[in-house]
Amino acid sequence: YGATRPDMNEIWELNLNLNWAIFDGGNRIARYREAKANLEGA
């Protein structure tokens, strides 16, 4: 919510966002495997 000069027009917005990384080159898969190996070591 806000306003814009010079006439101070009222501006506002409501939004709903859905963020989903469908493919990132296998980065998340590698992080998951690393975490699993760290758990076994711990």
Full PDB file with SEQRES, HELIX, SHEET, SSBOND, CRYST1, ORIGX, SCALE, CONECT and MASTER records, all heavy atoms in Angstrom:
SEQRES   1 A   42  TYR GLY ALA THR ARG PRO ASP MET ASN GLU ILE TRP GLU          
SEQRES   2 A   42  LEU ASN LEU ASN LEU ASN TRP ALA ILE PHE ASP GLY GLY          
SEQRES   3 A   42  ASN ARG ILE ALA ARG TYR ARG GLU ALA LYS ALA ASN LEU          
SEQRES   4 A   42  GLU GLY ALA                                                  
HELIX    1 AA1 ASN A   27  GLY A   41  1                                  15    
SHEET    1 AA1 2 GLY A   2  THR A   4  0                                        
SHEET    2 AA1 2 ASN A   9  ILE A  11 -1                                        
CRYST1    1.000    1.000    1.000  90.00  90.00  90.00 P 1           1          
ORIGX1      1.000000  0.000000  0.000000        0.00000                         
ORIGX2      0.000000  1.000000  0.000000        0.00000                         
ORIGX3      0.000000  0.000000  1.000000        0.00000                         
SCALE1      1.000000  0.000000  0.000000        0.00000                         
SCALE2      0.000000  1.000000  0.000000        0.00000                         
SCALE3      0.000000  0.000000  1.000000        0.00000                         
ATOM      1  N   TYR A   1       0.871  -1.177   0.000  1.00  0.00           N  
ATOM      2  CA  TYR A   1       0.000   0.000   0.000  1.00  0.00           C  
ATOM      3  C   TYR A   1       0.897   1.212   0.000  1.00  0.00           C  
ATOM      4  O   TYR A   1       1.910   1.267   0.687  1.00  0.00           O  
ATOM      5  CB  TYR A   1      -0.919   0.005   1.221  1.00  0.00           C  
ATOM      6  CG  TYR A   1      -1.792   1.238   1.275  1.00  0.00           C  
ATOM      7  CD1 TYR A   1      -2.974   1.305   0.532  1.00  0.00           C  
ATOM      8  CD2 TYR A   1      -1.427   2.328   2.063  1.00  0.00           C  
ATOM      9  CE1 TYR A   1      -3.770   2.435   0.560  1.00  0.00           C  
ATOM     10  CE2 TYR A   1      -2.231   3.463   2.103  1.00  0.00           C  
ATOM     11  CZ  TYR A   1      -3.384   3.510   1.349  1.00  0.00           C  
ATOM     12  OH  TYR A   1      -4.171   4.644   1.386  1.00  0.00           O  
ATOM     13  N   GLY A   2       0.475   2.261  -0.857  1.00  0.00           N  
ATOM     14  CA  GLY A   2       1.283   3.462  -0.915  1.00  0.00           C  
ATOM     15  C   GLY A   2       0.592   4.536  -1.717  1.00  0.00           C  
ATOM     16  O   GLY A   2      -0.627   4.507  -1.941  1.00  0.00           O  
ATOM     17  N   ALA A   3       1.417   5.518  -2.145  1.00  0.00           N  
ATOM     18  CA  ALA A   3       0.896   6.653  -2.900  1.00  0.00           C  
ATOM     19  C   ALA A   3       1.977   7.162  -3.827  1.00  0.00           C  
ATOM     20  O   ALA A   3       3.176   6.944  -3.593  1.00  0.00           O  
ATOM     21  CB  ALA A   3       0.425   7.759  -1.965  1.00  0.00           C  
ATOM     22  N   THR A   4       1.536   7.886  -4.901  1.00  0.00           N  
ATOM     23  CA  THR A   4       2.449   8.417  -5.898  1.00  0.00           C  
ATOM     24  C   THR A   4       2.196   9.919  -6.062  1.00  0.00           C  
ATOM     25  O   THR A   4       1.039  10.346  -6.181  1.00  0.00           O  
ATOM     26  CB  THR A   4       2.251   7.715  -7.256  1.00  0.00           C  
ATOM     27  OG1 THR A   4       2.408   6.320  -7.099  1.00  0.00           O  
ATOM     28  CG2 THR A   4       3.247   8.222  -8.285  1.00  0.00           C  
ATOM     29  N   ARG A   5       3.237  10.723  -5.992  1.00  0.00           N  
ATOM     30  CA  ARG A   5       3.142  12.152  -6.262  1.00  0.00           C  
ATOM     31  C   ARG A   5       3.176  12.384  -7.771  1.00  0.00           C  
ATOM     32  O   ARG A   5       3.618  11.506  -8.512  1.00  0.00           O  
ATOM     33  CB  ARG A   5       4.304  12.869  -5.569  1.00  0.00           C  
ATOM     34  CG  ARG A   5       4.157  12.901  -4.035  1.00  0.00           C  
ATOM     35  CD  ARG A   5       5.337  13.637  -3.417  1.00  0.00           C  
ATOM     36  NE  ARG A   5       5.392  15.018  -3.855  1.00  0.00           N  
ATOM     37  CZ  ARG A   5       4.777  16.029  -3.235  1.00  0.00           C  
ATOM     38  NH1 ARG A   5       4.068  15.762  -2.156  1.00  0.00           N  
ATOM     39  NH2 ARG A   5       4.863  17.254  -3.677  1.00  0.00           N  
ATOM     40  N   PRO A   6       2.795  13.532  -8.285  1.00  0.00           N  
ATOM     41  CA  PRO A   6       2.480  14.768  -7.559  1.00  0.00           C  
ATOM     42  C   PRO A   6       1.062  14.849  -7.028  1.00  0.00           C  
ATOM     43  O   PRO A   6       0.759  15.703  -6.188  1.00  0.00           O  
ATOM     44  CB  PRO A   6       2.738  15.853  -8.592  1.00  0.00           C  
ATOM     45  CG  PRO A   6       2.442  15.202  -9.886  1.00  0.00           C  
ATOM     46  CD  PRO A   6       2.884  13.797  -9.750  1.00  0.00           C  
ATOM     47  N   ASP A   7       0.186  13.994  -7.476  1.00  0.00           N  
ATOM     48  CA  ASP A   7      -1.203  14.097  -7.018  1.00  0.00           C  
ATOM     49  C   ASP A   7      -1.509  13.116  -5.889  1.00  0.00           C  
ATOM     50  O   ASP A   7      -2.662  13.010  -5.460  1.00  0.00           O  
ATOM     51  CB  ASP A   7      -2.156  13.856  -8.194  1.00  0.00           C  
ATOM     52  CG  ASP A   7      -1.843  12.538  -8.904  1.00  0.00           C  
ATOM     53  OD1 ASP A   7      -0.866  11.873  -8.479  1.00  0.00           O  
ATOM     54  OD2 ASP A   7      -2.556  12.176  -9.866  1.00  0.00           O  
ATOM     55  N   MET A   8      -0.469  12.379  -5.409  1.00  0.00           N  
ATOM     56  CA  MET A   8      -0.624  11.429  -4.299  1.00  0.00           C  
ATOM     57  C   MET A   8      -1.724  10.412  -4.577  1.00  0.00           C  
ATOM     58  O   MET A   8      -2.612  10.149  -3.755  1.00  0.00           O  
ATOM     59  CB  MET A   8      -0.904  12.160  -2.980  1.00  0.00           C  
ATOM     60  CG  MET A   8       0.262  12.996  -2.485  1.00  0.00           C  
ATOM     61  SD  MET A   8       1.747  12.028  -2.185  1.00  0.00           S  
ATOM     62  CE  MET A   8       1.197  11.023  -0.835  1.00  0.00           C  
ATOM     63  N   ASN A   9      -1.678   9.837  -5.766  1.00  0.00           N  
ATOM     64  CA  ASN A   9      -2.658   8.805  -6.097  1.00  0.00           C  
ATOM     65  C   ASN A   9      -2.435   7.566  -5.222  1.00  0.00           C  
ATOM     66  O   ASN A   9      -1.311   7.124  -5.029  1.00  0.00           O  
ATOM     67  CB  ASN A   9      -2.532   8.421  -7.573  1.00  0.00           C  
ATOM     68  CG  ASN A   9      -2.996   9.539  -8.497  1.00  0.00           C  
ATOM     69  OD1 ASN A   9      -3.854  10.323  -8.126  1.00  0.00           O  
ATOM     70  ND2 ASN A   9      -2.420   9.582  -9.694  1.00  0.00           N  
ATOM     71  N   GLU A  10      -3.473   7.010  -4.683  1.00  0.00           N  
ATOM     72  CA  GLU A  10      -3.399   5.815  -3.838  1.00  0.00           C  
ATOM     73  C   GLU A  10      -3.100   4.594  -4.705  1.00  0.00           C  
ATOM     74  O   GLU A  10      -3.715   4.390  -5.748  1.00  0.00           O  
ATOM     75  CB  GLU A  10      -4.717   5.623  -3.094  1.00  0.00           C  
ATOM     76  CG  GLU A  10      -4.708   4.428  -2.149  1.00  0.00           C  
ATOM     77  CD  GLU A  10      -6.054   4.233  -1.469  1.00  0.00           C  
ATOM     78  OE1 GLU A  10      -7.083   4.412  -2.155  1.00  0.00           O  
ATOM     79  OE2 GLU A  10      -6.071   3.885  -0.289  1.00  0.00           O  
ATOM     80  N   ILE A  11      -2.114   3.790  -4.261  1.00  0.00           N  
ATOM     81  CA  ILE A  11      -1.787   2.545  -4.950  1.00  0.00           C  
ATOM     82  C   ILE A  11      -1.741   1.416  -3.935  1.00  0.00           C  
ATOM     83  O   ILE A  11      -1.287   1.596  -2.802  1.00  0.00           O  
ATOM     84  CB  ILE A  11      -0.426   2.659  -5.689  1.00  0.00           C  
ATOM     85  CG1 ILE A  11       0.677   3.045  -4.714  1.00  0.00           C  
ATOM     86  CG2 ILE A  11      -0.504   3.659  -6.833  1.00  0.00           C  
ATOM     87  CD1 ILE A  11       2.060   3.056  -5.341  1.00  0.00           C  
ATOM     88  N   TRP A  12      -2.232   0.233  -4.302  1.00  0.00           N  
ATOM     89  CA  TRP A  12      -2.183  -0.932  -3.421  1.00  0.00           C  
ATOM     90  C   TRP A  12      -2.296  -2.188  -4.268  1.00  0.00           C  
ATOM     91  O   TRP A  12      -2.703  -2.159  -5.431  1.00  0.00           O  
ATOM     92  CB  TRP A  12      -3.282  -0.897  -2.359  1.00  0.00           C  
ATOM     93  CG  TRP A  12      -4.677  -0.867  -2.928  1.00  0.00           C  
ATOM     94  CD1 TRP A  12      -5.395   0.217  -3.302  1.00  0.00           C  
ATOM     95  CD2 TRP A  12      -5.502  -2.001  -3.186  1.00  0.00           C  
ATOM     96  NE1 TRP A  12      -6.618  -0.122  -3.787  1.00  0.00           N  
ATOM     97  CE2 TRP A  12      -6.711  -1.501  -3.719  1.00  0.00           C  
ATOM     98  CE3 TRP A  12      -5.341  -3.376  -3.023  1.00  0.00           C  
ATOM     99  CZ2 TRP A  12      -7.753  -2.348  -4.089  1.00  0.00           C  
ATOM    100  CZ3 TRP A  12      -6.384  -4.203  -3.386  1.00  0.00           C  
ATOM    101  CH2 TRP A  12      -7.571  -3.699  -3.904  1.00  0.00           C  
ATOM    102  N   GLU A  13      -1.893  -3.308  -3.606  1.00  0.00           N  
ATOM    103  CA  GLU A  13      -1.904  -4.585  -4.322  1.00  0.00           C  
ATOM    104  C   GLU A  13      -1.958  -5.725  -3.327  1.00  0.00           C  
ATOM    105  O   GLU A  13      -1.330  -5.682  -2.261  1.00  0.00           O  
ATOM    106  CB  GLU A  13      -0.649  -4.717  -5.187  1.00  0.00           C  
ATOM    107  CG  GLU A  13      -0.536  -6.051  -5.917  1.00  0.00           C  
ATOM    108  CD  GLU A  13       0.762  -6.190  -6.690  1.00  0.00           C  
ATOM    109  OE1 GLU A  13       1.027  -5.306  -7.523  1.00  0.00           O  
ATOM    110  OE2 GLU A  13       1.496  -7.166  -6.433  1.00  0.00           O  
ATOM    111  N   LEU A  14      -2.669  -6.779  -3.643  1.00  0.00           N  
ATOM    112  CA  LEU A  14      -2.673  -8.044  -2.908  1.00  0.00           C  
ATOM    113  C   LEU A  14      -2.267  -9.131  -3.885  1.00  0.00           C  
ATOM    114  O   LEU A  14      -2.706  -9.131  -5.046  1.00  0.00           O  
ATOM    115  CB  LEU A  14      -4.062  -8.349  -2.345  1.00  0.00           C  
ATOM    116  CG  LEU A  14      -4.595  -7.391  -1.277  1.00  0.00           C  
ATOM    117  CD1 LEU A  14      -6.017  -7.774  -0.877  1.00  0.00           C  
ATOM    118  CD2 LEU A  14      -3.679  -7.403  -0.054  1.00  0.00           C  
ATOM    119  N   ASN A  15      -1.391 -10.070  -3.406  1.00  0.00           N  
ATOM    120  CA  ASN A  15      -0.916 -11.087  -4.333  1.00  0.00           C  
ATOM    121  C   ASN A  15      -0.752 -12.412  -3.613  1.00  0.00           C  
ATOM    122  O   ASN A  15      -0.613 -12.469  -2.383  1.00  0.00           O  
ATOM    123  CB  ASN A  15       0.402 -10.666  -4.991  1.00  0.00           C  
ATOM    124  CG  ASN A  15       1.471 -10.339  -3.969  1.00  0.00           C  
ATOM    125  OD1 ASN A  15       1.915 -11.206  -3.224  1.00  0.00           O  
ATOM    126  ND2 ASN A  15       1.896  -9.078  -3.922  1.00  0.00           N  
ATOM    127  N   LEU A  16      -0.739 -13.478  -4.357  1.00  0.00           N  
ATOM    128  CA  LEU A  16      -0.491 -14.836  -3.883  1.00  0.00           C  
ATOM    129  C   LEU A  16       0.491 -15.469  -4.855  1.00  0.00           C  
ATOM    130  O   LEU A  16       0.211 -15.561  -6.058  1.00  0.00           O  
ATOM    131  CB  LEU A  16      -1.791 -15.636  -3.841  1.00  0.00           C  
ATOM    132  CG  LEU A  16      -1.687 -17.070  -3.305  1.00  0.00           C  
ATOM    133  CD1 LEU A  16      -1.304 -17.043  -1.831  1.00  0.00           C  
ATOM    134  CD2 LEU A  16      -3.014 -17.815  -3.493  1.00  0.00           C  
ATOM    135  N   ASN A  17       1.668 -15.887  -4.332  1.00  0.00           N  
ATOM    136  CA  ASN A  17       2.743 -16.375  -5.182  1.00  0.00           C  
ATOM    137  C   ASN A  17       2.992 -17.854  -4.929  1.00  0.00           C  
ATOM    138  O   ASN A  17       2.996 -18.317  -3.781  1.00  0.00           O  
ATOM    139  CB  ASN A  17       4.042 -15.605  -4.915  1.00  0.00           C  
ATOM    140  CG  ASN A  17       3.889 -14.122  -5.202  1.00  0.00           C  
ATOM    141  OD1 ASN A  17       3.249 -13.743  -6.177  1.00  0.00           O  
ATOM    142  ND2 ASN A  17       4.478 -13.295  -4.336  1.00  0.00           N  
ATOM    143  N   LEU A  18       3.247 -18.565  -5.995  1.00  0.00           N  
ATOM    144  CA  LEU A  18       3.657 -19.959  -5.937  1.00  0.00           C  
ATOM    145  C   LEU A  18       5.005 -20.072  -6.645  1.00  0.00           C  
ATOM    146  O   LEU A  18       5.094 -19.859  -7.856  1.00  0.00           O  
ATOM    147  CB  LEU A  18       2.619 -20.861  -6.612  1.00  0.00           C  
ATOM    148  CG  LEU A  18       3.015 -22.346  -6.732  1.00  0.00           C  
ATOM    149  CD1 LEU A  18       3.119 -22.974  -5.352  1.00  0.00           C  
ATOM    150  CD2 LEU A  18       2.005 -23.096  -7.601  1.00  0.00           C  
ATOM    151  N   ASN A  19       6.059 -20.395  -5.867  1.00  0.00           N  
ATOM    152  CA  ASN A  19       7.406 -20.511  -6.421  1.00  0.00           C  
ATOM    153  C   ASN A  19       7.836 -21.973  -6.382  1.00  0.00           C  
ATOM    154  O   ASN A  19       7.863 -22.591  -5.313  1.00  0.00           O  
ATOM    155  CB  ASN A  19       8.401 -19.659  -5.622  1.00  0.00           C  
ATOM    156  CG  ASN A  19       8.035 -18.190  -5.646  1.00  0.00           C  
ATOM    157  OD1 ASN A  19       7.606 -17.681  -6.683  1.00  0.00           O  
ATOM    158  ND2 ASN A  19       8.195 -17.515  -4.516  1.00  0.00           N  
ATOM    159  N   TRP A  20       8.209 -22.485  -7.516  1.00  0.00           N  
ATOM    160  CA  TRP A  20       8.592 -23.896  -7.599  1.00  0.00           C  
ATOM    161  C   TRP A  20       9.691 -24.020  -8.645  1.00  0.00           C  
ATOM    162  O   TRP A  20       9.467 -23.766  -9.840  1.00  0.00           O  
ATOM    163  CB  TRP A  20       7.380 -24.746  -7.994  1.00  0.00           C  
ATOM    164  CG  TRP A  20       7.602 -26.223  -7.762  1.00  0.00           C  
ATOM    165  CD1 TRP A  20       8.743 -26.837  -7.397  1.00  0.00           C  
ATOM    166  CD2 TRP A  20       6.614 -27.248  -7.881  1.00  0.00           C  
ATOM    167  NE1 TRP A  20       8.555 -28.192  -7.254  1.00  0.00           N  
ATOM    168  CE2 TRP A  20       7.237 -28.475  -7.542  1.00  0.00           C  
ATOM    169  CE3 TRP A  20       5.258 -27.243  -8.214  1.00  0.00           C  
ATOM    170  CZ2 TRP A  20       6.557 -29.679  -7.568  1.00  0.00           C  
ATOM    171  CZ3 TRP A  20       4.583 -28.458  -8.218  1.00  0.00           C  
ATOM    172  CH2 TRP A  20       5.230 -29.665  -7.896  1.00  0.00           C  
ATOM    173  N   ALA A  21      10.873 -24.402  -8.169  1.00  0.00           N  
ATOM    174  CA  ALA A  21      11.987 -24.643  -9.081  1.00  0.00           C  
ATOM    175  C   ALA A  21      11.858 -26.057  -9.615  1.00  0.00           C  
ATOM    176  O   ALA A  21      12.130 -27.038  -8.911  1.00  0.00           O  
ATOM    177  CB  ALA A  21      13.323 -24.460  -8.369  1.00  0.00           C  
ATOM    178  N   ILE A  22      11.406 -26.159 -10.857  1.00  0.00           N  
ATOM    179  CA  ILE A  22      11.122 -27.478 -11.439  1.00  0.00           C  
ATOM    180  C   ILE A  22      12.410 -28.221 -11.769  1.00  0.00           C  
ATOM    181  O   ILE A  22      12.534 -29.421 -11.515  1.00  0.00           O  
ATOM    182  CB  ILE A  22      10.240 -27.308 -12.689  1.00  0.00           C  
ATOM    183  CG1 ILE A  22       8.908 -26.655 -12.278  1.00  0.00           C  
ATOM    184  CG2 ILE A  22       9.995 -28.648 -13.375  1.00  0.00           C  
ATOM    185  CD1 ILE A  22       7.999 -26.336 -13.454  1.00  0.00           C  
ATOM    186  N   PHE A  23      13.399 -27.523 -12.298  1.00  0.00           N  
ATOM    187  CA  PHE A  23      14.667 -28.179 -12.641  1.00  0.00           C  
ATOM    188  C   PHE A  23      15.799 -27.175 -12.433  1.00  0.00           C  
ATOM    189  O   PHE A  23      15.725 -26.032 -12.906  1.00  0.00           O  
ATOM    190  CB  PHE A  23      14.649 -28.668 -14.096  1.00  0.00           C  
ATOM    191  CG  PHE A  23      15.935 -29.365 -14.498  1.00  0.00           C  
ATOM    192  CD1 PHE A  23      16.233 -30.623 -13.997  1.00  0.00           C  
ATOM    193  CD2 PHE A  23      16.846 -28.757 -15.351  1.00  0.00           C  
ATOM    194  CE1 PHE A  23      17.404 -31.266 -14.339  1.00  0.00           C  
ATOM    195  CE2 PHE A  23      18.017 -29.397 -15.707  1.00  0.00           C  
ATOM    196  CZ  PHE A  23      18.300 -30.658 -15.205  1.00  0.00           C  
ATOM    197  N   ASP A  24      16.810 -27.595 -11.694  1.00  0.00           N  
ATOM    198  CA  ASP A  24      17.949 -26.701 -11.406  1.00  0.00           C  
ATOM    199  C   ASP A  24      19.273 -27.364 -11.755  1.00  0.00           C  
ATOM    200  O   ASP A  24      20.296 -27.087 -11.124  1.00  0.00           O  
ATOM    201  CB  ASP A  24      17.939 -26.269  -9.946  1.00  0.00           C  
ATOM    202  CG  ASP A  24      18.067 -27.451  -8.998  1.00  0.00           C  
ATOM    203  OD1 ASP A  24      18.037 -28.604  -9.484  1.00  0.00           O  
ATOM    204  OD2 ASP A  24      18.198 -27.236  -7.775  1.00  0.00           O  
ATOM    205  N   GLY A  25      19.277 -28.252 -12.697  1.00  0.00           N  
ATOM    206  CA  GLY A  25      20.518 -28.899 -13.108  1.00  0.00           C  
ATOM    207  C   GLY A  25      20.990 -29.992 -12.172  1.00  0.00           C  
ATOM    208  O   GLY A  25      22.161 -30.369 -12.209  1.00  0.00           O  
ATOM    209  N   GLY A  26      20.132 -30.505 -11.320  1.00  0.00           N  
ATOM    210  CA  GLY A  26      20.510 -31.579 -10.388  1.00  0.00           C  
ATOM    211  C   GLY A  26      21.110 -31.099  -9.087  1.00  0.00           C  
ATOM    212  O   GLY A  26      21.622 -31.905  -8.301  1.00  0.00           O  
ATOM    213  N   ASN A  27      21.041 -29.784  -8.805  1.00  0.00           N  
ATOM    214  CA  ASN A  27      21.628 -29.247  -7.577  1.00  0.00           C  
ATOM    215  C   ASN A  27      20.925 -29.776  -6.337  1.00  0.00           C  
ATOM    216  O   ASN A  27      21.570 -30.184  -5.357  1.00  0.00           O  
ATOM    217  CB  ASN A  27      21.590 -27.717  -7.626  1.00  0.00           C  
ATOM    218  CG  ASN A  27      22.238 -27.094  -6.415  1.00  0.00           C  
ATOM    219  OD1 ASN A  27      23.238 -27.597  -5.917  1.00  0.00           O  
ATOM    220  ND2 ASN A  27      21.670 -26.021  -5.921  1.00  0.00           N  
ATOM    221  N   ARG A  28      19.614 -29.790  -6.334  1.00  0.00           N  
ATOM    222  CA  ARG A  28      18.874 -30.256  -5.155  1.00  0.00           C  
ATOM    223  C   ARG A  28      19.073 -31.751  -4.924  1.00  0.00           C  
ATOM    224  O   ARG A  28      19.148 -32.202  -3.772  1.00  0.00           O  
ATOM    225  CB  ARG A  28      17.388 -29.946  -5.325  1.00  0.00           C  
ATOM    226  CG  ARG A  28      17.038 -28.462  -5.153  1.00  0.00           C  
ATOM    227  CD  ARG A  28      15.606 -28.193  -5.471  1.00  0.00           C  
ATOM    228  NE  ARG A  28      15.318 -28.506  -6.878  1.00  0.00           N  
ATOM    229  CZ  ARG A  28      14.098 -28.472  -7.410  1.00  0.00           C  
ATOM    230  NH1 ARG A  28      13.057 -28.173  -6.652  1.00  0.00           N  
ATOM    231  NH2 ARG A  28      13.913 -28.746  -8.694  1.00  0.00           N  
ATOM    232  N   ILE A  29      19.179 -32.515  -5.986  1.00  0.00           N  
ATOM    233  CA  ILE A  29      19.426 -33.950  -5.826  1.00  0.00           C  
ATOM    234  C   ILE A  29      20.791 -34.187  -5.182  1.00  0.00           C  
ATOM    235  O   ILE A  29      20.938 -35.031  -4.279  1.00  0.00           O  
ATOM    236  CB  ILE A  29      19.329 -34.658  -7.189  1.00  0.00           C  
ATOM    237  CG1 ILE A  29      17.911 -34.540  -7.735  1.00  0.00           C  
ATOM    238  CG2 ILE A  29      19.748 -36.113  -7.070  1.00  0.00           C  
ATOM    239  CD1 ILE A  29      17.749 -35.133  -9.118  1.00  0.00           C  
ATOM    240  N   ALA A  30      21.801 -33.432  -5.622  1.00  0.00           N  
ATOM    241  CA  ALA A  30      23.139 -33.575  -5.037  1.00  0.00           C  
ATOM    242  C   ALA A  30      23.143 -33.176  -3.571  1.00  0.00           C  
ATOM    243  O   ALA A  30      23.792 -33.825  -2.735  1.00  0.00           O  
ATOM    244  CB  ALA A  30      24.144 -32.740  -5.828  1.00  0.00           C  
ATOM    245  N   ARG A  31      22.437 -32.094  -3.213  1.00  0.00           N  
ATOM    246  CA  ARG A  31      22.372 -31.674  -1.806  1.00  0.00           C  
ATOM    247  C   ARG A  31      21.690 -32.737  -0.947  1.00  0.00           C  
ATOM    248  O   ARG A  31      22.083 -32.968   0.202  1.00  0.00           O  
ATOM    249  CB  ARG A  31      21.638 -30.336  -1.680  1.00  0.00           C  
ATOM    250  CG  ARG A  31      22.410 -29.139  -2.206  1.00  0.00           C  
ATOM    251  CD  ARG A  31      21.908 -27.843  -1.574  1.00  0.00           C  
ATOM    252  NE  ARG A  31      20.477 -27.680  -1.760  1.00  0.00           N  
ATOM    253  CZ  ARG A  31      19.911 -27.016  -2.760  1.00  0.00           C  
ATOM    254  NH1 ARG A  31      20.671 -26.480  -3.707  1.00  0.00           N  
ATOM    255  NH2 ARG A  31      18.602 -26.881  -2.836  1.00  0.00           N  
ATOM    256  N   TYR A  32      20.648 -33.369  -1.486  1.00  0.00           N  
ATOM    257  CA  TYR A  32      19.962 -34.413  -0.732  1.00  0.00           C  
ATOM    258  C   TYR A  32      20.890 -35.602  -0.486  1.00  0.00           C  
ATOM    259  O   TYR A  32      20.942 -36.142   0.629  1.00  0.00           O  
ATOM    260  CB  TYR A  32      18.711 -34.850  -1.506  1.00  0.00           C  
ATOM    261  CG  TYR A  32      17.993 -36.016  -0.857  1.00  0.00           C  
ATOM    262  CD1 TYR A  32      17.161 -35.805   0.237  1.00  0.00           C  
ATOM    263  CD2 TYR A  32      18.153 -37.314  -1.341  1.00  0.00           C  
ATOM    264  CE1 TYR A  32      16.502 -36.865   0.829  1.00  0.00           C  
ATOM    265  CE2 TYR A  32      17.497 -38.373  -0.747  1.00  0.00           C  
ATOM    266  CZ  TYR A  32      16.675 -38.156   0.339  1.00  0.00           C  
ATOM    267  OH  TYR A  32      16.032 -39.197   0.933  1.00  0.00           O  
ATOM    268  N   ARG A  33      21.618 -36.022  -1.509  1.00  0.00           N  
ATOM    269  CA  ARG A  33      22.547 -37.139  -1.335  1.00  0.00           C  
ATOM    270  C   ARG A  33      23.662 -36.788  -0.360  1.00  0.00           C  
ATOM    271  O   ARG A  33      24.087 -37.641   0.433  1.00  0.00           O  
ATOM    272  CB  ARG A  33      23.110 -37.537  -2.690  1.00  0.00           C  
ATOM    273  CG  ARG A  33      22.071 -38.172  -3.616  1.00  0.00           C  
ATOM    274  CD  ARG A  33      22.625 -38.410  -5.000  1.00  0.00           C  
ATOM    275  NE  ARG A  33      21.648 -39.095  -5.861  1.00  0.00           N  
ATOM    276  CZ  ARG A  33      21.824 -39.310  -7.159  1.00  0.00           C  
ATOM    277  NH1 ARG A  33      22.950 -38.890  -7.761  1.00  0.00           N  
ATOM    278  NH2 ARG A  33      20.904 -39.929  -7.862  1.00  0.00           N  
ATOM    279  N   GLU A  34      24.137 -35.565  -0.406  1.00  0.00           N  
ATOM    280  CA  GLU A  34      25.164 -35.135   0.563  1.00  0.00           C  
ATOM    281  C   GLU A  34      24.637 -35.192   1.990  1.00  0.00           C  
ATOM    282  O   GLU A  34      25.317 -35.662   2.907  1.00  0.00           O  
ATOM    283  CB  GLU A  34      25.615 -33.713   0.227  1.00  0.00           C  
ATOM    284  CG  GLU A  34      26.637 -33.156   1.204  1.00  0.00           C  
ATOM    285  CD  GLU A  34      26.893 -31.681   1.012  1.00  0.00           C  
ATOM    286  OE1 GLU A  34      26.230 -31.068   0.149  1.00  0.00           O  
ATOM    287  OE2 GLU A  34      27.752 -31.138   1.725  1.00  0.00           O  
ATOM    288  N   ALA A  35      23.423 -34.703   2.201  1.00  0.00           N  
ATOM    289  CA  ALA A  35      22.833 -34.725   3.543  1.00  0.00           C  
ATOM    290  C   ALA A  35      22.641 -36.150   4.039  1.00  0.00           C  
ATOM    291  O   ALA A  35      22.836 -36.443   5.233  1.00  0.00           O  
ATOM    292  CB  ALA A  35      21.501 -33.985   3.533  1.00  0.00           C  
ATOM    293  N   LYS A  36      22.270 -37.061   3.149  1.00  0.00           N  
ATOM    294  CA  LYS A  36      22.096 -38.452   3.551  1.00  0.00           C  
ATOM    295  C   LYS A  36      23.421 -39.079   3.971  1.00  0.00           C  
ATOM    296  O   LYS A  36      23.499 -39.805   4.972  1.00  0.00           O  
ATOM    297  CB  LYS A  36      21.473 -39.236   2.398  1.00  0.00           C  
ATOM    298  CG  LYS A  36      21.117 -40.677   2.748  1.00  0.00           C  
ATOM    299  CD  LYS A  36      20.415 -41.371   1.597  1.00  0.00           C  
ATOM    300  CE  LYS A  36      20.033 -42.800   1.972  1.00  0.00           C  
ATOM    301  NZ  LYS A  36      19.360 -43.487   0.842  1.00  0.00           N  
ATOM    302  N   ALA A  37      24.494 -38.794   3.202  1.00  0.00           N  
ATOM    303  CA  ALA A  37      25.815 -39.312   3.574  1.00  0.00           C  
ATOM    304  C   ALA A  37      26.294 -38.720   4.898  1.00  0.00           C  
ATOM    305  O   ALA A  37      26.889 -39.428   5.727  1.00  0.00           O  
ATOM    306  CB  ALA A  37      26.811 -39.008   2.460  1.00  0.00           C  
ATOM    307  N   ASN A  38      26.017 -37.444   5.132  1.00  0.00           N  
ATOM    308  CA  ASN A  38      26.410 -36.813   6.403  1.00  0.00           C  
ATOM    309  C   ASN A  38      25.675 -37.440   7.584  1.00  0.00           C  
ATOM    310  O   ASN A  38      26.240 -37.596   8.669  1.00  0.00           O  
ATOM    311  CB  ASN A  38      26.130 -35.315   6.346  1.00  0.00           C  
ATOM    312  CG  ASN A  38      27.105 -34.585   5.445  1.00  0.00           C  
ATOM    313  OD1 ASN A  38      28.220 -35.037   5.211  1.00  0.00           O  
ATOM    314  ND2 ASN A  38      26.672 -33.445   4.919  1.00  0.00           N  
ATOM    315  N   LEU A  39      24.408 -37.808   7.379  1.00  0.00           N  
ATOM    316  CA  LEU A  39      23.651 -38.449   8.457  1.00  0.00           C  
ATOM    317  C   LEU A  39      24.247 -39.810   8.793  1.00  0.00           C  
ATOM    318  O   LEU A  39      24.395 -40.161   9.980  1.00  0.00           O  
ATOM    319  CB  LEU A  39      22.192 -38.594   8.045  1.00  0.00           C  
ATOM    320  CG  LEU A  39      21.298 -39.366   9.010  1.00  0.00           C  
ATOM    321  CD1 LEU A  39      21.282 -38.696  10.369  1.00  0.00           C  
ATOM    322  CD2 LEU A  39      19.885 -39.515   8.450  1.00  0.00           C  
ATOM    323  N   GLU A  40      24.601 -40.583   7.794  1.00  0.00           N  
ATOM    324  CA  GLU A  40      25.209 -41.888   8.054  1.00  0.00           C  
ATOM    325  C   GLU A  40      26.544 -41.738   8.788  1.00  0.00           C  
ATOM    326  O   GLU A  40      26.852 -42.515   9.704  1.00  0.00           O  
ATOM    327  CB  GLU A  40      25.403 -42.629   6.729  1.00  0.00           C  
ATOM    328  CG  GLU A  40      24.090 -43.020   6.049  1.00  0.00           C  
ATOM    329  CD  GLU A  40      24.302 -43.589   4.651  1.00  0.00           C  
ATOM    330  OE1 GLU A  40      25.473 -43.574   4.191  1.00  0.00           O  
ATOM    331  OE2 GLU A  40      23.327 -44.055   4.031  1.00  0.00           O  
ATOM    332  N   GLY A  41      27.331 -40.739   8.407  1.00  0.00           N  
ATOM    333  CA  GLY A  41      28.594 -40.507   9.110  1.00  0.00           C  
ATOM    334  C   GLY A  41      28.384 -40.075  10.551  1.00  0.00           C  
ATOM    335  O   GLY A  41      29.104 -40.509  11.455  1.00  0.00           O  
ATOM    336  N   ALA A  42      27.385 -39.221  10.797  1.00  0.00           N  
ATOM    337  CA  ALA A  42      27.108 -38.774  12.166  1.00  0.00           C  
ATOM    338  C   ALA A  42      26.653 -39.933  13.038  1.00  0.00           C  
ATOM    339  O   ALA A  42      27.027 -40.029  14.222  1.00  0.00           O  
ATOM    340  CB  ALA A  42      26.053 -37.670  12.147  1.00  0.00           C  
TER     341      ALA A  42                                                      
MASTER        0    0    0    1    2    0    0    6  340    1    0    4          
END                                                                             
